[in-house]
Amino acid sequence: MNPRVKAVYPNPDFTLTLTFTDGSIRRFDMKPYLGIGVFRELTDVNLFNSVSPFLGSIQWKNGQDLCPDTLYEDSKPITS
């Protein structure tokens, strides 16, 4: 089982900075999802910025969410 999301920060370029329970900080690119189904609404910056941690994953105020395993496996580590 992959680590779960502890914190999320939305970035202006439609990426998310995620902090996981193992202490890793990773960047997830939402742009490939923004043209698909319920994720289309997230092109609204105010809605995109409403993201918050939810039960080990993330969720937006309109209910969109992503699997925590997808967030971990498809994100890139941020190195200092």
PDB file of N, CA and C in Angstrom:
ATOM      1  N   MET A   1       0.839  -1.178   0.000  1.00  0.00           N
ATOM      2  CA  MET A   1       0.000   0.000   0.000  1.00  0.00           C
ATOM      3  C   MET A   1       0.887   1.245   0.000  1.00  0.00           C
ATOM      4  N   ASN A   2       0.553   2.174  -0.865  1.00  0.00           N
ATOM      5  CA  ASN A   2       1.298   3.428  -0.957  1.00  0.00           C
ATOM      6  C   ASN A   2       0.936   4.355   0.199  1.00  0.00           C
ATOM      7  N   PRO A   3       1.814   5.323   0.491  1.00  0.00           N
ATOM      8  CA  PRO A   3       1.498   6.314   1.514  1.00  0.00           C
ATOM      9  C   PRO A   3       0.244   7.103   1.129  1.00  0.00           C
ATOM     10  N   ARG A   4      -0.363   7.718   2.102  1.00  0.00           N
ATOM     11  CA  ARG A   4      -1.567   8.508   1.890  1.00  0.00           C
ATOM     12  C   ARG A   4      -1.246   9.992   1.970  1.00  0.00           C
ATOM     13  N   VAL A   5      -2.130  10.808   1.397  1.00  0.00           N
ATOM     14  CA  VAL A   5      -1.939  12.261   1.366  1.00  0.00           C
ATOM     15  C   VAL A   5      -2.199  12.850   2.747  1.00  0.00           C
ATOM     16  N   LYS A   6      -1.268  13.672   3.171  1.00  0.00           N
ATOM     17  CA  LYS A   6      -1.381  14.371   4.457  1.00  0.00           C
ATOM     18  C   LYS A   6      -1.714  15.848   4.244  1.00  0.00           C
ATOM     19  N   ALA A   7      -1.188  16.427   3.153  1.00  0.00           N
ATOM     20  CA  ALA A   7      -1.430  17.841   2.842  1.00  0.00           C
ATOM     21  C   ALA A   7      -1.381  18.029   1.331  1.00  0.00           C
ATOM     22  N   VAL A   8      -2.126  19.033   0.854  1.00  0.00           N
ATOM     23  CA  VAL A   8      -2.141  19.340  -0.581  1.00  0.00           C
ATOM     24  C   VAL A   8      -2.133  20.848  -0.759  1.00  0.00           C
ATOM     25  N   TYR A   9      -1.376  21.290  -1.772  1.00  0.00           N
ATOM     26  CA  TYR A   9      -1.316  22.708  -2.109  1.00  0.00           C
ATOM     27  C   TYR A   9      -1.522  22.844  -3.616  1.00  0.00           C
ATOM     28  N   PRO A  10      -2.550  23.614  -4.057  1.00  0.00           N
ATOM     29  CA  PRO A  10      -2.762  23.825  -5.491  1.00  0.00           C
ATOM     30  C   PRO A  10      -1.788  24.870  -6.031  1.00  0.00           C
ATOM     31  N   ASN A  11      -1.205  24.607  -7.182  1.00  0.00           N
ATOM     32  CA  ASN A  11      -0.274  25.535  -7.817  1.00  0.00           C
ATOM     33  C   ASN A  11      -0.946  26.213  -9.008  1.00  0.00           C
ATOM     34  N   PRO A  12      -0.483  27.432  -9.381  1.00  0.00           N
ATOM     35  CA  PRO A  12      -1.102  28.175 -10.483  1.00  0.00           C
ATOM     36  C   PRO A  12      -1.056  27.455 -11.832  1.00  0.00           C
ATOM     37  N   ASP A  13      -0.138  26.508 -12.010  1.00  0.00           N
ATOM     38  CA  ASP A  13      -0.005  25.796 -13.290  1.00  0.00           C
ATOM     39  C   ASP A  13      -0.837  24.506 -13.332  1.00  0.00           C
ATOM     40  N   PHE A  14      -1.845  24.399 -12.473  1.00  0.00           N
ATOM     41  CA  PHE A  14      -2.722  23.233 -12.386  1.00  0.00           C
ATOM     42  C   PHE A  14      -1.975  21.952 -12.019  1.00  0.00           C
ATOM     43  N   THR A  15      -0.964  22.125 -11.190  1.00  0.00           N
ATOM     44  CA  THR A  15      -0.329  20.976 -10.543  1.00  0.00           C
ATOM     45  C   THR A  15      -0.663  21.056  -9.064  1.00  0.00           C
ATOM     46  N   LEU A  16      -0.441  19.954  -8.375  1.00  0.00           N
ATOM     47  CA  LEU A  16      -0.675  19.883  -6.942  1.00  0.00           C
ATOM     48  C   LEU A  16       0.619  19.483  -6.252  1.00  0.00           C
ATOM     49  N   THR A  17       0.965  20.162  -5.197  1.00  0.00           N
ATOM     50  CA  THR A  17       2.074  19.754  -4.355  1.00  0.00           C
ATOM     51  C   THR A  17       1.479  18.945  -3.210  1.00  0.00           C
ATOM     52  N   LEU A  18       1.891  17.694  -3.115  1.00  0.00           N
ATOM     53  CA  LEU A  18       1.326  16.748  -2.158  1.00  0.00           C
ATOM     54  C   LEU A  18       2.369  16.330  -1.135  1.00  0.00           C
ATOM     55  N   THR A  19       1.985  16.333   0.116  1.00  0.00           N
ATOM     56  CA  THR A  19       2.816  15.780   1.182  1.00  0.00           C
ATOM     57  C   THR A  19       2.160  14.482   1.616  1.00  0.00           C
ATOM     58  N   PHE A  20       2.953  13.412   1.630  1.00  0.00           N
ATOM     59  CA  PHE A  20       2.438  12.085   1.956  1.00  0.00           C
ATOM     60  C   PHE A  20       2.839  11.675   3.370  1.00  0.00           C
ATOM     61  N   THR A  21       2.170  10.656   3.872  1.00  0.00           N
ATOM     62  CA  THR A  21       2.405  10.197   5.242  1.00  0.00           C
ATOM     63  C   THR A  21       3.812   9.646   5.457  1.00  0.00           C
ATOM     64  N   ASP A  22       4.531   9.319   4.387  1.00  0.00           N
ATOM     65  CA  ASP A  22       5.914   8.859   4.543  1.00  0.00           C
ATOM     66  C   ASP A  22       6.907  10.030   4.560  1.00  0.00           C
ATOM     67  N   GLY A  23       6.374  11.267   4.508  1.00  0.00           N
ATOM     68  CA  GLY A  23       7.217  12.461   4.531  1.00  0.00           C
ATOM     69  C   GLY A  23       7.638  12.949   3.161  1.00  0.00           C
ATOM     70  N   SER A  24       7.346  12.193   2.109  1.00  0.00           N
ATOM     71  CA  SER A  24       7.741  12.619   0.765  1.00  0.00           C
ATOM     72  C   SER A  24       6.844  13.759   0.285  1.00  0.00           C
ATOM     73  N   ILE A  25       7.434  14.626  -0.534  1.00  0.00           N
ATOM     74  CA  ILE A  25       6.710  15.730  -1.154  1.00  0.00           C
ATOM     75  C   ILE A  25       6.815  15.515  -2.657  1.00  0.00           C
ATOM     76  N   ARG A  26       5.650  15.494  -3.302  1.00  0.00           N
ATOM     77  CA  ARG A  26       5.606  15.142  -4.723  1.00  0.00           C
ATOM     78  C   ARG A  26       4.696  16.110  -5.464  1.00  0.00           C
ATOM     79  N   ARG A  27       4.901  16.224  -6.777  1.00  0.00           N
ATOM     80  CA  ARG A  27       4.089  17.095  -7.622  1.00  0.00           C
ATOM     81  C   ARG A  27       3.268  16.233  -8.572  1.00  0.00           C
ATOM     82  N   PHE A  28       1.951  16.500  -8.591  1.00  0.00           N
ATOM     83  CA  PHE A  28       1.020  15.778  -9.456  1.00  0.00           C
ATOM     84  C   PHE A  28       0.443  16.759 -10.462  1.00  0.00           C
ATOM     85  N   ASP A  29       0.519  16.418 -11.751  1.00  0.00           N
ATOM     86  CA  ASP A  29       0.031  17.273 -12.825  1.00  0.00           C
ATOM     87  C   ASP A  29      -1.431  16.944 -13.128  1.00  0.00           C
ATOM     88  N   MET A  30      -2.319  17.893 -12.898  1.00  0.00           N
ATOM     89  CA  MET A  30      -3.742  17.693 -13.161  1.00  0.00           C
ATOM     90  C   MET A  30      -4.141  18.012 -14.598  1.00  0.00           C
ATOM     91  N   LYS A  31      -3.276  18.661 -15.365  1.00  0.00           N
ATOM     92  CA  LYS A  31      -3.652  19.105 -16.707  1.00  0.00           C
ATOM     93  C   LYS A  31      -4.204  17.982 -17.595  1.00  0.00           C
ATOM     94  N   PRO A  32      -3.657  16.759 -17.582  1.00  0.00           N
ATOM     95  CA  PRO A  32      -4.226  15.709 -18.437  1.00  0.00           C
ATOM     96  C   PRO A  32      -5.664  15.324 -18.068  1.00  0.00           C
ATOM     97  N   TYR A  33      -6.094  15.635 -16.877  1.00  0.00           N
ATOM     98  CA  TYR A  33      -7.428  15.269 -16.405  1.00  0.00           C
ATOM     99  C   TYR A  33      -8.470  16.350 -16.672  1.00  0.00           C
ATOM    100  N   LEU A  34      -8.042  17.586 -16.942  1.00  0.00           N
ATOM    101  CA  LEU A  34      -8.954  18.725 -16.978  1.00  0.00           C
ATOM    102  C   LEU A  34      -9.940  18.708 -18.137  1.00  0.00           C
ATOM    103  N   GLY A  35      -9.740  17.870 -19.125  1.00  0.00           N
ATOM    104  CA  GLY A  35     -10.687  17.769 -20.239  1.00  0.00           C
ATOM    105  C   GLY A  35     -11.605  16.563 -20.127  1.00  0.00           C
ATOM    106  N   ILE A  36     -11.578  15.888 -18.987  1.00  0.00           N
ATOM    107  CA  ILE A  36     -12.304  14.626 -18.828  1.00  0.00           C
ATOM    108  C   ILE A  36     -13.436  14.777 -17.811  1.00  0.00           C
ATOM    109  N   GLY A  37     -14.648  14.489 -18.218  1.00  0.00           N
ATOM    110  CA  GLY A  37     -15.802  14.379 -17.327  1.00  0.00           C
ATOM    111  C   GLY A  37     -15.906  15.442 -16.258  1.00  0.00           C
ATOM    112  N   VAL A  38     -16.077  14.986 -15.014  1.00  0.00           N
ATOM    113  CA  VAL A  38     -16.292  15.899 -13.885  1.00  0.00           C
ATOM    114  C   VAL A  38     -15.079  16.790 -13.604  1.00  0.00           C
ATOM    115  N   PHE A  39     -13.924  16.413 -14.106  1.00  0.00           N
ATOM    116  CA  PHE A  39     -12.720  17.213 -13.861  1.00  0.00           C
ATOM    117  C   PHE A  39     -12.696  18.492 -14.688  1.00  0.00           C
ATOM    118  N   ARG A  40     -13.556  18.593 -15.724  1.00  0.00           N
ATOM    119  CA  ARG A  40     -13.604  19.819 -16.542  1.00  0.00           C
ATOM    120  C   ARG A  40     -13.878  21.054 -15.692  1.00  0.00           C
ATOM    121  N   GLU A  41     -14.688  20.895 -14.648  1.00  0.00           N
ATOM    122  CA  GLU A  41     -15.009  22.029 -13.770  1.00  0.00           C
ATOM    123  C   GLU A  41     -13.765  22.621 -13.103  1.00  0.00           C
ATOM    124  N   LEU A  42     -12.726  21.815 -12.974  1.00  0.00           N
ATOM    125  CA  LEU A  42     -11.532  22.258 -12.261  1.00  0.00           C
ATOM    126  C   LEU A  42     -10.684  23.247 -13.047  1.00  0.00           C
ATOM    127  N   THR A  43     -11.088  23.550 -14.298  1.00  0.00           N
ATOM    128  CA  THR A  43     -10.402  24.617 -15.031  1.00  0.00           C
ATOM    129  C   THR A  43     -10.734  25.975 -14.432  1.00  0.00           C
ATOM    130  N   ASP A  44     -11.791  26.042 -13.632  1.00  0.00           N
ATOM    131  CA  ASP A  44     -12.115  27.244 -12.857  1.00  0.00           C
ATOM    132  C   ASP A  44     -11.108  27.303 -11.701  1.00  0.00           C
ATOM    133  N   VAL A  45     -10.269  28.310 -11.709  1.00  0.00           N
ATOM    134  CA  VAL A  45      -9.180  28.409 -10.731  1.00  0.00           C
ATOM    135  C   VAL A  45      -9.700  28.397  -9.297  1.00  0.00           C
ATOM    136  N   ASN A  46     -10.808  29.090  -9.055  1.00  0.00           N
ATOM    137  CA  ASN A  46     -11.351  29.111  -7.695  1.00  0.00           C
ATOM    138  C   ASN A  46     -11.751  27.714  -7.240  1.00  0.00           C
ATOM    139  N   LEU A  47     -12.361  26.944  -8.123  1.00  0.00           N
ATOM    140  CA  LEU A  47     -12.726  25.580  -7.772  1.00  0.00           C
ATOM    141  C   LEU A  47     -11.478  24.706  -7.629  1.00  0.00           C
ATOM    142  N   PHE A  48     -10.525  24.846  -8.557  1.00  0.00           N
ATOM    143  CA  PHE A  48      -9.279  24.081  -8.467  1.00  0.00           C
ATOM    144  C   PHE A  48      -8.594  24.319  -7.128  1.00  0.00           C
ATOM    145  N   ASN A  49      -8.602  25.571  -6.688  1.00  0.00           N
ATOM    146  CA  ASN A  49      -7.932  25.934  -5.434  1.00  0.00           C
ATOM    147  C   ASN A  49      -8.676  25.458  -4.189  1.00  0.00           C
ATOM    148  N   SER A  50      -9.882  24.906  -4.351  1.00  0.00           N
ATOM    149  CA  SER A  50     -10.649  24.429  -3.198  1.00  0.00           C
ATOM    150  C   SER A  50     -10.232  23.035  -2.732  1.00  0.00           C
ATOM    151  N   VAL A  51      -9.214  22.457  -3.351  1.00  0.00           N
ATOM    152  CA  VAL A  51      -8.767  21.101  -3.010  1.00  0.00           C
ATOM    153  C   VAL A  51      -8.295  21.021  -1.558  1.00  0.00           C
ATOM    154  N   SER A  52      -8.589  19.891  -0.931  1.00  0.00           N
ATOM    155  CA  SER A  52      -8.130  19.667   0.441  1.00  0.00           C
ATOM    156  C   SER A  52      -7.917  18.168   0.672  1.00  0.00           C
ATOM    157  N   PRO A  53      -7.135  17.822   1.682  1.00  0.00           N
ATOM    158  CA  PRO A  53      -6.953  16.403   2.010  1.00  0.00           C
ATOM    159  C   PRO A  53      -8.296  15.818   2.463  1.00  0.00           C
ATOM    160  N   PHE A  54      -8.513  14.538   2.123  1.00  0.00           N
ATOM    161  CA  PHE A  54      -9.765  13.884   2.495  1.00  0.00           C
ATOM    162  C   PHE A  54      -9.534  12.386   2.594  1.00  0.00           C
ATOM    163  N   LEU A  55      -9.602  11.847   3.785  1.00  0.00           N
ATOM    164  CA  LEU A  55      -9.493  10.398   4.020  1.00  0.00           C
ATOM    165  C   LEU A  55      -8.279   9.766   3.335  1.00  0.00           C
ATOM    166  N   GLY A  56      -7.121  10.421   3.420  1.00  0.00           N
ATOM    167  CA  GLY A  56      -5.894   9.890   2.844  1.00  0.00           C
ATOM    168  C   GLY A  56      -5.704  10.204   1.382  1.00  0.00           C
ATOM    169  N   SER A  57      -6.664  10.911   0.795  1.00  0.00           N
ATOM    170  CA  SER A  57      -6.572  11.321  -0.596  1.00  0.00           C
ATOM    171  C   SER A  57      -6.846  12.820  -0.653  1.00  0.00           C
ATOM    172  N   ILE A  58      -7.436  13.286  -1.763  1.00  0.00           N
ATOM    173  CA  ILE A  58      -7.802  14.689  -1.897  1.00  0.00           C
ATOM    174  C   ILE A  58      -9.214  14.772  -2.453  1.00  0.00           C
ATOM    175  N   GLN A  59      -9.846  15.922  -2.211  1.00  0.00           N
ATOM    176  CA  GLN A  59     -11.187  16.140  -2.743  1.00  0.00           C
ATOM    177  C   GLN A  59     -11.400  17.632  -2.954  1.00  0.00           C
ATOM    178  N   TRP A  60     -12.150  17.974  -4.011  1.00  0.00           N
ATOM    179  CA  TRP A  60     -12.528  19.347  -4.275  1.00  0.00           C
ATOM    180  C   TRP A  60     -13.930  19.585  -3.737  1.00  0.00           C
ATOM    181  N   LYS A  61     -14.326  20.854  -3.613  1.00  0.00           N
ATOM    182  CA  LYS A  61     -15.605  21.172  -2.970  1.00  0.00           C
ATOM    183  C   LYS A  61     -16.810  20.641  -3.739  1.00  0.00           C
ATOM    184  N   ASN A  62     -16.670  20.374  -5.036  1.00  0.00           N
ATOM    185  CA  ASN A  62     -17.781  19.803  -5.809  1.00  0.00           C
ATOM    186  C   ASN A  62     -17.753  18.273  -5.821  1.00  0.00           C
ATOM    187  N   GLY A  63     -16.847  17.673  -5.062  1.00  0.00           N
ATOM    188  CA  GLY A  63     -16.834  16.224  -4.897  1.00  0.00           C
ATOM    189  C   GLY A  63     -15.846  15.457  -5.750  1.00  0.00           C
ATOM    190  N   GLN A  64     -15.150  16.114  -6.674  1.00  0.00           N
ATOM    191  CA  GLN A  64     -14.143  15.410  -7.463  1.00  0.00           C
ATOM    192  C   GLN A  64     -13.053  14.901  -6.534  1.00  0.00           C
ATOM    193  N   ASP A  65     -12.563  13.707  -6.838  1.00  0.00           N
ATOM    194  CA  ASP A  65     -11.470  13.150  -6.050  1.00  0.00           C
ATOM    195  C   ASP A  65     -10.626  12.229  -6.923  1.00  0.00           C
ATOM    196  N   LEU A  66      -9.493  11.846  -6.388  1.00  0.00           N
ATOM    197  CA  LEU A  66      -8.587  10.928  -7.083  1.00  0.00           C
ATOM    198  C   LEU A  66      -8.117   9.870  -6.096  1.00  0.00           C
ATOM    199  N   CYS A  67      -7.819   8.707  -6.616  1.00  0.00           N
ATOM    200  CA  CYS A  67      -7.310   7.602  -5.816  1.00  0.00           C
ATOM    201  C   CYS A  67      -5.939   7.977  -5.244  1.00  0.00           C
ATOM    202  N   PRO A  68      -5.705   7.727  -3.955  1.00  0.00           N
ATOM    203  CA  PRO A  68      -4.398   8.068  -3.383  1.00  0.00           C
ATOM    204  C   PRO A  68      -3.247   7.313  -4.038  1.00  0.00           C
ATOM    205  N   ASP A  69      -3.493   6.098  -4.526  1.00  0.00           N
ATOM    206  CA  ASP A  69      -2.440   5.357  -5.215  1.00  0.00           C
ATOM    207  C   ASP A  69      -2.065   6.039  -6.531  1.00  0.00           C
ATOM    208  N   THR A  70      -3.061   6.537  -7.259  1.00  0.00           N
ATOM    209  CA  THR A  70      -2.792   7.281  -8.492  1.00  0.00           C
ATOM    210  C   THR A  70      -1.974   8.522  -8.183  1.00  0.00           C
ATOM    211  N   LEU A  71      -2.360   9.240  -7.144  1.00  0.00           N
ATOM    212  CA  LEU A  71      -1.634  10.456  -6.778  1.00  0.00           C
ATOM    213  C   LEU A  71      -0.168  10.158  -6.474  1.00  0.00           C
ATOM    214  N   TYR A  72       0.089   9.063  -5.787  1.00  0.00           N
ATOM    215  CA  TYR A  72       1.469   8.728  -5.428  1.00  0.00           C
ATOM    216  C   TYR A  72       2.251   8.202  -6.632  1.00  0.00           C
ATOM    217  N   GLU A  73       1.667   7.251  -7.332  1.00  0.00           N
ATOM    218  CA  GLU A  73       2.396   6.595  -8.417  1.00  0.00           C
ATOM    219  C   GLU A  73       2.614   7.477  -9.644  1.00  0.00           C
ATOM    220  N   ASP A  74       1.690   8.404  -9.896  1.00  0.00           N
ATOM    221  CA  ASP A  74       1.802   9.263 -11.083  1.00  0.00           C
ATOM    222  C   ASP A  74       2.370  10.648 -10.778  1.00  0.00           C
ATOM    223  N   SER A  75       2.835  10.854  -9.563  1.00  0.00           N
ATOM    224  CA  SER A  75       3.447  12.139  -9.218  1.00  0.00           C
ATOM    225  C   SER A  75       4.962  12.013  -9.261  1.00  0.00           C
ATOM    226  N   LYS A  76       5.605  13.150  -9.290  1.00  0.00           N
ATOM    227  CA  LYS A  76       7.068  13.194  -9.359  1.00  0.00           C
ATOM    228  C   LYS A  76       7.620  13.755  -8.055  1.00  0.00           C
ATOM    229  N   PRO A  77       8.667  13.137  -7.531  1.00  0.00           N
ATOM    230  CA  PRO A  77       9.280  13.672  -6.300  1.00  0.00           C
ATOM    231  C   PRO A  77       9.810  15.078  -6.518  1.00  0.00           C
ATOM    232  N   ILE A  78       9.646  15.905  -5.519  1.00  0.00           N
ATOM    233  CA  ILE A  78      10.229  17.249  -5.535  1.00  0.00           C
ATOM    234  C   ILE A  78      11.533  17.161  -4.763  1.00  0.00           C
ATOM    235  N   THR A  79      12.599  17.477  -5.435  1.00  0.00           N
ATOM    236  CA  THR A  79      13.902  17.424  -4.787  1.00  0.00           C
ATOM    237  C   THR A  79      14.370  18.842  -4.474  1.00  0.00           C
ATOM    238  N   SER A  80      15.071  18.982  -3.388  1.00  0.00           N
ATOM    239  CA  SER A  80      15.523  20.328  -3.003  1.00  0.00           C
ATOM    240  C   SER A  80      16.820  20.699  -3.674  1.00  0.00           C
TER     241      SER A  80
END
